[in-house]
Protein backbone atom coordinates (compact mmCIF):
# COMPACT_ATOMS: atom_id res chain seq x y z
CA MET A 1 -8.59 -13.57 -20.26
CA MET A 2 -6.00 -12.16 -22.69
CA THR A 3 -3.21 -13.31 -20.69
CA GLU A 4 -1.98 -15.78 -17.98
CA ASN A 5 -2.06 -14.21 -14.67
CA THR A 6 -3.34 -15.03 -11.23
CA GLN A 7 -6.00 -13.36 -11.13
CA CYS A 8 -7.48 -15.90 -14.18
CA ILE A 9 -6.27 -18.60 -12.44
CA ALA A 10 -7.21 -17.68 -9.09
CA SER A 11 -11.28 -17.20 -10.92
CA ALA A 12 -11.48 -20.84 -12.51
CA LEU A 13 -10.24 -21.95 -9.39
CA ARG A 14 -13.25 -20.37 -8.11
CA ASN A 15 -15.78 -20.43 -9.88
CA ALA A 16 -14.80 -24.32 -10.55
CA ILE A 17 -15.72 -25.05 -6.78
CA LEU A 18 -18.77 -23.16 -6.66
CA ASN A 19 -20.01 -24.91 -10.02
CA LEU A 20 -19.14 -28.19 -8.86
CA GLY A 21 -19.84 -27.99 -5.01
CA LEU A 22 -16.88 -29.92 -3.98
CA ILE A 23 -13.48 -28.06 -3.44
CA PRO A 24 -10.97 -31.07 -4.79
CA LYS A 25 -8.32 -32.66 -3.15
CA VAL A 26 -5.34 -32.51 -6.16
CA VAL A 27 -5.39 -30.00 -9.17
CA TYR A 28 -3.45 -31.12 -12.23
CA GLN A 29 -2.24 -27.67 -13.42
CA ASP A 30 -0.09 -27.09 -16.15
CA ASN A 31 4.02 -25.55 -15.59
CA GLY A 32 3.17 -21.69 -15.81
CA LYS A 33 4.90 -19.08 -13.86
CA ALA A 34 1.67 -18.20 -12.49
CA PHE A 35 0.59 -21.20 -11.19
CA LYS A 36 3.71 -21.51 -9.42
CA SER A 37 3.19 -18.33 -8.13
CA LYS A 38 3.50 -18.04 -3.69
CA TYR A 39 0.12 -16.77 -4.10
CA PHE A 40 -1.07 -20.71 -4.68
CA GLN A 41 2.24 -22.45 -3.56
CA HIS A 42 4.42 -21.39 -1.08
CA LEU A 43 3.88 -20.33 2.53
CA ASP A 44 4.24 -16.66 3.54
CA PHE A 45 4.31 -16.65 6.86
CA GLU A 46 4.41 -19.34 9.54
CA GLU A 47 0.80 -18.51 10.99
CA ASP A 48 -2.11 -19.66 11.02
CA GLY A 49 -4.37 -18.39 7.83
CA PHE A 50 -1.31 -16.68 5.74
CA ASN A 51 -0.50 -20.36 4.06
CA GLY A 52 -0.95 -19.60 -0.19
CA VAL A 53 -4.24 -20.79 -1.57
CA TYR A 54 -3.64 -24.52 -1.78
CA ALA A 55 -3.38 -24.79 1.51
CA ASN A 56 -5.94 -22.75 3.26
CA LEU A 57 -8.40 -25.03 1.00
CA GLY A 58 -6.69 -28.27 1.74
CA ILE A 59 -5.47 -29.38 -2.15
CA HIS A 60 -2.92 -31.16 -3.15
CA SER A 61 -1.07 -29.38 -6.30
CA VAL A 62 0.33 -31.84 -9.59
CA PHE A 63 2.37 -29.81 -12.67
CA VAL A 64 2.03 -31.99 -15.73
CA LYS A 65 5.25 -32.52 -17.43
CA PRO A 66 6.77 -30.19 -19.77
CA TYR A 67 6.26 -30.35 -23.35
CA ASN A 68 4.20 -33.29 -23.28
CA ALA A 69 0.38 -32.67 -24.91
CA ARG A 70 -0.59 -36.05 -24.03
CA ALA A 71 -0.27 -35.65 -20.56
CA LYS A 72 -2.79 -32.50 -20.73
CA VAL A 73 -6.35 -33.74 -20.91
CA ILE A 74 -8.21 -29.89 -20.82
CA GLU A 75 -6.17 -30.40 -24.18
CA ARG A 76 -9.40 -32.41 -25.44
CA PHE A 77 -11.84 -30.17 -24.29
CA PHE A 78 -10.32 -27.09 -26.04
CA LEU A 79 -10.23 -29.08 -29.24
CA GLU A 80 -14.27 -29.78 -29.17
CA PHE A 81 -14.96 -25.71 -28.03
CA GLN A 82 -13.09 -24.91 -30.86
CA GLU A 83 -14.94 -26.78 -33.98
CA GLU A 84 -18.56 -26.65 -32.26
CA PHE A 85 -18.63 -23.23 -30.43
CA GLU A 86 -15.46 -21.06 -32.05
CA LYS A 87 -16.37 -21.98 -35.45
CA LEU A 88 -20.20 -20.94 -35.47
CA MET A 89 -19.78 -17.51 -33.96
CA PRO A 90 -19.83 -14.68 -35.98
CA SER A 91 -16.56 -12.87 -35.66
CA TYR A 92 -13.82 -16.32 -35.65
CA ILE A 93 -11.27 -15.62 -38.21
CA GLY A 94 -9.13 -18.95 -37.53
CA THR A 95 -6.75 -19.69 -35.82
CA SER A 96 -4.08 -19.33 -38.65
CA ILE A 97 -4.07 -18.81 -42.65
CA GLU A 98 -4.85 -21.61 -43.46
CA ASN A 99 -7.69 -22.42 -41.33
CA ARG A 100 -9.36 -19.55 -41.80
CA PRO A 101 -13.12 -19.16 -42.74
CA ALA A 102 -13.68 -19.13 -46.36
CA TRP A 103 -15.33 -15.66 -46.65
CA MET A 104 -11.85 -14.48 -45.55
CA ASN A 105 -9.85 -15.64 -48.73
CA ARG A 106 -9.29 -14.03 -51.44
CA ASN A 107 -11.80 -13.69 -53.76
CA GLU A 108 -14.85 -15.49 -51.96
CA LYS A 109 -17.51 -12.44 -53.15
CA LEU A 110 -20.36 -14.70 -52.23
CA HIS A 111 -18.98 -16.12 -48.62
CA LEU A 112 -18.39 -12.28 -48.36
CA GLN A 113 -21.67 -10.86 -49.17
CA ILE A 114 -23.12 -14.01 -47.77
CA HIS A 115 -21.19 -13.23 -43.99
CA GLN A 116 -22.32 -10.30 -44.53
CA LYS A 117 -25.81 -10.35 -44.71
CA GLN A 118 -26.57 -13.25 -42.12
CA THR A 119 -23.72 -10.88 -39.70
CA ASP A 120 -24.49 -7.57 -40.50
CA GLY A 121 -21.28 -7.03 -39.28
CA LYS A 122 -21.90 -7.03 -35.70
CA ILE A 123 -19.42 -8.66 -32.80
CA PRO A 124 -20.92 -9.84 -29.76
CA THR A 125 -20.63 -8.58 -26.87
CA VAL A 126 -18.51 -10.25 -23.60
CA GLN A 127 -22.16 -10.44 -21.67
CA GLU A 128 -23.51 -12.27 -24.81
CA VAL A 129 -20.36 -14.33 -25.42
CA ILE A 130 -21.05 -15.56 -21.69
CA LYS A 131 -24.22 -16.85 -23.04
CA TYR A 132 -24.15 -18.78 -26.18
CA ILE A 133 -21.25 -20.13 -23.77
CA ASP A 134 -23.60 -21.55 -21.10
CA CYS A 135 -26.48 -22.90 -24.13
CA TRP A 136 -23.14 -25.08 -25.69
CA LEU A 137 -22.21 -26.42 -22.18
CA GLU A 138 -25.58 -27.41 -21.53
CA TYR A 139 -25.62 -29.08 -25.12
CA HIS A 140 -22.49 -30.64 -24.32
CA ASN A 141 -22.85 -31.80 -20.69
CA SER A 142 -26.17 -33.49 -23.02
CA LYS A 143 -23.50 -36.00 -24.53
CA PRO A 144 -23.52 -39.54 -23.36
CA CYS A 145 -20.15 -39.37 -20.52
CA PRO A 146 -16.60 -41.37 -22.08
CA ASN A 147 -16.22 -42.93 -18.67
CA ASP A 148 -19.70 -44.69 -18.65
CA ARG A 149 -21.66 -44.36 -21.95
CA SER A 150 -25.15 -45.38 -20.26
CA LYS A 151 -25.14 -41.54 -18.77
CA SER A 152 -24.81 -38.36 -20.06
CA ILE A 153 -21.88 -35.81 -18.68
CA GLN A 154 -24.32 -33.45 -16.88
CA GLU A 155 -25.75 -36.83 -15.09
CA VAL A 156 -22.20 -37.91 -13.70
CA LEU A 157 -21.68 -34.41 -12.84
CA ASN A 158 -24.78 -34.03 -10.63
CA SER A 159 -23.79 -37.70 -8.58
CA VAL A 160 -20.69 -35.94 -7.37
CA GLN A 161 -21.74 -36.00 -3.54
CA ARG A 162 -21.85 -31.61 -3.00
CA GLN A 163 -20.34 -30.00 0.04
CA ASP A 164 -22.08 -26.74 1.52
CA ILE A 165 -19.72 -24.25 0.42
CA ASN A 166 -19.55 -20.77 1.78
CA LYS A 167 -19.11 -18.24 -0.82
CA SER A 168 -17.36 -15.60 1.95
CA ALA A 169 -15.58 -17.92 3.59
CA LEU A 170 -14.37 -18.94 0.15
CA ASP A 171 -13.42 -15.57 -0.48
CA TYR A 172 -11.75 -15.17 2.27
CA LEU A 173 -9.32 -18.09 2.24
CA MET A 174 -8.27 -17.62 -1.35
CA MET A 175 -6.85 -13.91 -0.48
CA LYS A 176 -3.50 -12.90 -1.16
CA THR A 177 -1.01 -11.56 1.45
CA GLU A 178 1.43 -8.50 1.11
CA GLY A 179 3.86 -6.42 2.86
CA ARG A 180 2.83 -2.58 2.78
CA THR A 181 3.97 0.17 4.73
CA ILE A 182 1.48 2.79 6.21
CA ASN A 183 2.19 6.15 4.62
CA LYS A 184 0.63 9.65 5.14
CA HIS A 185 -2.54 8.16 2.65
CA GLY A 186 -3.06 5.29 4.76
CA ILE A 187 -2.65 2.08 2.79
CA THR A 188 -1.42 3.06 -1.15
CA PHE A 189 -2.37 -0.65 -3.54
CA LEU A 190 -2.91 -0.47 -6.91
CA ASN A 191 -2.47 2.59 -7.02
CA MET A 192 -5.90 3.29 -4.64
CA HIS A 193 -6.04 4.19 -0.74
CA TYR A 194 -7.56 2.64 2.53
CA ARG A 195 -8.26 3.76 5.29
CA SER A 196 -9.04 3.03 9.36
CA GLU A 197 -9.22 5.12 11.95
CA ALA A 198 -7.78 2.38 14.00
CA ILE A 199 -4.47 2.90 11.45
CA LEU A 200 -4.58 6.68 12.39
CA GLY A 201 -1.16 7.79 12.55
CA LEU A 202 0.78 4.96 11.61
CA ARG A 203 4.37 5.11 10.67
CA ASP A 204 5.38 0.72 10.98
CA LYS A 205 5.50 -2.13 8.16
CA ILE A 206 1.79 -4.19 7.91
CA TYR A 207 0.54 -6.87 6.17
CA ILE A 208 -2.89 -6.82 4.11
CA ARG A 209 -4.80 -9.15 2.41
CA TYR A 210 -7.33 -8.80 0.17
CA SER A 211 -9.82 -10.53 -2.17
CA LEU A 212 -8.96 -10.34 -6.19
CA PHE A 213 -12.98 -9.92 -6.50
CA ASP A 214 -13.77 -7.04 -3.76
CA LEU A 215 -11.76 -4.56 -4.43
CA SER A 216 -12.94 -2.56 -1.94
CA LYS A 217 -11.90 -2.67 1.26
CA VAL A 218 -8.37 -5.00 2.97
CA TYR A 219 -8.00 -6.80 6.05
CA VAL A 220 -4.31 -5.18 7.62
CA TYR A 221 -2.44 -7.28 10.41
CA SER A 222 0.50 -6.00 12.42
CA ALA A 223 3.96 -7.23 11.47
CA LYS A 224 3.74 -10.43 13.65
CA GLY A 225 0.33 -11.84 12.55
CA GLU A 226 -2.27 -9.91 14.43
CA PHE A 227 -5.33 -9.06 13.53
CA LEU A 228 -5.71 -5.15 13.19
CA CYS A 229 -8.75 -3.65 11.19
CA VAL A 230 -11.41 -4.06 8.34
CA ALA A 231 -9.80 -0.82 5.68
CA ASN A 232 -11.93 0.35 2.84
CA ARG A 233 -11.18 1.93 -0.32
CA VAL A 234 -11.00 5.66 -0.12
CA GLN A 235 -12.63 7.19 -3.24
CA LYS A 236 -10.62 9.31 -4.97
CA VAL A 237 -11.64 12.90 -4.84
CA HIS A 238 -11.82 16.31 -7.96
CA PRO A 239 -8.68 18.37 -6.32
CA MET A 240 -10.30 21.46 -7.21
CA ALA A 241 -13.79 19.59 -6.31
CA ARG A 242 -15.41 22.76 -5.82
CA ILE A 243 -14.94 25.04 -9.55
CA LEU A 244 -14.03 22.34 -11.85
CA GLY A 245 -16.04 19.18 -9.95
CA THR A 246 -19.46 17.72 -10.40
CA VAL A 247 -21.92 17.85 -7.77
CA LYS A 248 -21.07 14.56 -7.70
CA ASP A 249 -17.95 14.82 -6.83
CA MET A 250 -18.36 17.99 -4.49
CA GLU A 251 -20.63 15.64 -2.54
CA GLU A 252 -18.14 13.65 -2.04
CA TYR A 253 -15.12 16.08 -1.39
CA ASN A 254 -17.62 17.05 1.53
CA GLN A 255 -18.43 14.23 2.95
CA GLN A 256 -14.72 13.10 3.72
CA TYR A 257 -13.92 16.49 4.91
CA LYS A 258 -16.53 16.20 7.63
CA LYS A 259 -15.13 12.85 8.46
CA GLN A 260 -10.88 14.10 8.94
CA GLN A 261 -12.81 17.02 10.63
CA GLN A 262 -14.70 14.83 13.22
CA ILE A 263 -11.75 12.28 13.76
CA LYS A 264 -9.48 16.00 14.23
CA ASN A 265 -12.15 16.52 16.62
CA ARG A 266 -12.23 13.95 18.51
CA LEU A 267 -8.41 13.92 18.71
CA ILE A 268 -7.94 16.55 20.16
CA LYS A 269 -10.75 15.43 22.52
CA LYS A 270 -8.79 12.52 24.00
CA VAL A 271 -5.47 14.67 24.14
CA LYS A 272 -7.56 17.35 26.31
CA GLU A 273 -8.92 13.99 28.50
CA PHE A 274 -5.67 12.15 28.80
CA TYR A 275 -3.78 15.76 30.18
CA GLN A 276 -6.26 17.63 32.06
CA THR A 277 -5.88 16.69 36.69
CA GLU A 278 -7.19 17.91 39.06
CA ASP A 279 -6.80 20.32 41.91
CA ILE A 280 -4.06 19.53 44.34
CA PRO A 281 -4.57 19.57 48.22
CA LEU A 282 -1.54 21.34 49.14
CA LEU A 283 0.44 19.35 51.99
CA GLU A 284 -0.05 20.64 55.80
CA ILE A 285 3.80 21.59 57.07
CA GLU A 286 4.43 21.70 60.46
CA PRO A 287 5.27 24.92 62.01
CA GLU A 288 9.33 23.24 62.97
CA ILE A 289 9.40 22.28 59.31
CA ILE A 290 9.52 25.87 57.85
CA ASP A 291 11.58 27.25 60.17
CA GLU A 292 14.64 25.32 59.39
CA ILE A 293 13.70 24.86 55.36
CA ALA A 294 13.32 28.78 55.19
CA PRO A 295 16.44 29.54 55.94
CA ILE A 296 17.46 27.22 52.57
CA LEU A 297 14.70 28.63 50.52
CA GLU A 298 15.73 32.66 50.83
CA GLU A 299 19.37 32.15 50.80
CA GLU A 300 20.32 33.61 47.20
CA PRO A 301 22.31 31.51 45.31
CA LYS A 302 25.84 32.15 44.50
CA PRO A 303 26.42 33.78 41.62
CA LYS A 304 28.02 31.59 38.58
CA LYS A 305 32.71 32.07 38.50
CA GLU A 306 33.24 33.27 34.87
CA ARG A 307 36.16 31.62 32.62
CA LYS A 308 39.13 33.94 32.40
CA GLN A 309 39.98 34.46 29.11
CA THR A 310 43.15 33.79 27.37
CA PRO A 311 45.27 36.21 26.43
CA ARG A 312 44.05 35.99 22.51
CA GLU A 313 40.17 36.52 23.47
CA GLN A 314 41.75 39.48 25.84
CA GLN A 315 43.17 41.00 22.36
CA MET A 316 39.99 39.97 19.86
CA ASN A 317 37.67 41.74 22.64
CA LYS A 318 39.19 45.15 22.28
CA PRO A 319 37.02 47.52 24.73
CA PHE A 320 35.83 50.87 24.00
CA PHE A 321 38.63 53.94 24.96
CA ASN A 322 37.52 57.09 26.03
CA SER A 323 41.19 58.75 25.80
CA ASP A 324 44.81 58.34 23.73
CA TYR A 325 46.09 57.44 26.90
CA GLU A 326 43.81 54.17 28.22
CA LYS A 327 44.60 53.15 24.52
CA TYR A 328 47.84 53.17 24.96
CA GLU A 329 47.84 51.35 28.70
CA TRP A 330 45.79 48.38 27.19
CA LEU A 331 47.81 47.84 23.78
CA ILE A 332 50.75 47.51 26.57
CA LYS A 333 49.81 44.70 28.33
CA HIS A 334 47.81 42.76 26.22
CA GLY A 335 49.37 43.86 23.39
CA CYS A 336 48.61 45.03 19.59
CA THR A 337 47.01 42.44 17.18
CA ASN A 338 47.42 43.92 14.13
CA SER A 339 49.69 46.32 12.29
CA GLU A 340 47.82 49.59 12.88
CA ASP A 341 48.05 49.58 16.36
CA ARG A 342 52.37 49.14 16.37
CA VAL A 343 51.99 52.44 14.52
CA TRP A 344 49.34 54.31 16.65
CA ILE A 345 51.80 52.69 19.29
CA LEU A 346 55.30 54.92 17.62
CA ASN A 347 52.77 58.24 16.53
CA TYR A 348 51.51 58.19 19.61
CA GLN A 349 54.82 58.41 21.79
CA LYS A 350 55.96 61.21 20.46
CA SER A 351 53.36 63.34 20.74
CA ASP A 352 52.85 66.01 23.31
CA GLU A 353 50.90 64.12 25.36
CA TYR A 354 53.11 61.16 26.43
CA LEU A 355 56.02 63.38 26.40
CA ASN A 356 53.73 65.21 29.91
CA LEU A 357 52.46 61.77 31.20
CA TYR A 358 54.94 59.80 31.17
CA GLY A 359 57.82 61.74 30.49
CA ASP A 360 61.05 61.01 28.24
């Protein structure tokens, strides 16, 4: 791959185990950041099954000494691969200016014409390169083994006692664990949504285990490490499938809508079954008990005692008056709340109605 990451290291380890037919006891590797990631080295949980890949496979990891090229025995293999394979490829352009092929140098017209005539400007595809590498490995393994000149490299590899490697079990042991929270879309991971009826309606924190070789499903565990379910990836549907989508989008939309309706109907049915009750038979009560409880049932409830309003509340809750004298007596009793009421009292005391009712 173009960069060093967890996925390419896990893929290389898996291919090596399957091709060799053996799970190694020791892995001798570089000091890169991806090699020392939690996916391989550290323990995520104390429970079984949540360890790193090397711990699950029973592999002990050993790292080379930094800045020591002689300790990296794989570099010799890379040198042979470069000299015997890379330089024969038509797309090879060298590793530096001094090491580039002749047809790329200045004024090398003859070499350029020969190169164009032989390759016709074609660049091999990834699948073609894989076939070329397999052919070169077959040639490389046919050479004498450096440790035993009487045998070829392939014969030495064939002499290794193979184990019965189960691909499914190997993929399960190489799964990575990450924490997630269930949302309205289910489980969101790598910009994809995973759903299952077992986690419908939950909004808890969970842990998922996934394989880099099969992202169509994830294994869901509770916060305590208990297995919950297998959540499958949901295919994204065009939001305007009926108008702008293709026939495939429309079919996927109909299937997902039908499944949602089935889940909804099943949930409604369970709720109705839970709240459904049978007719409760009435209890037979003795006549003497009925005579005793009848007065209690017929007794009228006591009226609630109203809270007495404060003088301020009485002033604020001024009633409607039918006559001036009613307003005058109410203001004299409860007081005035503003200057208008005080002016009104002075004017009313000078009126004929006041003189007739209250005198001088």
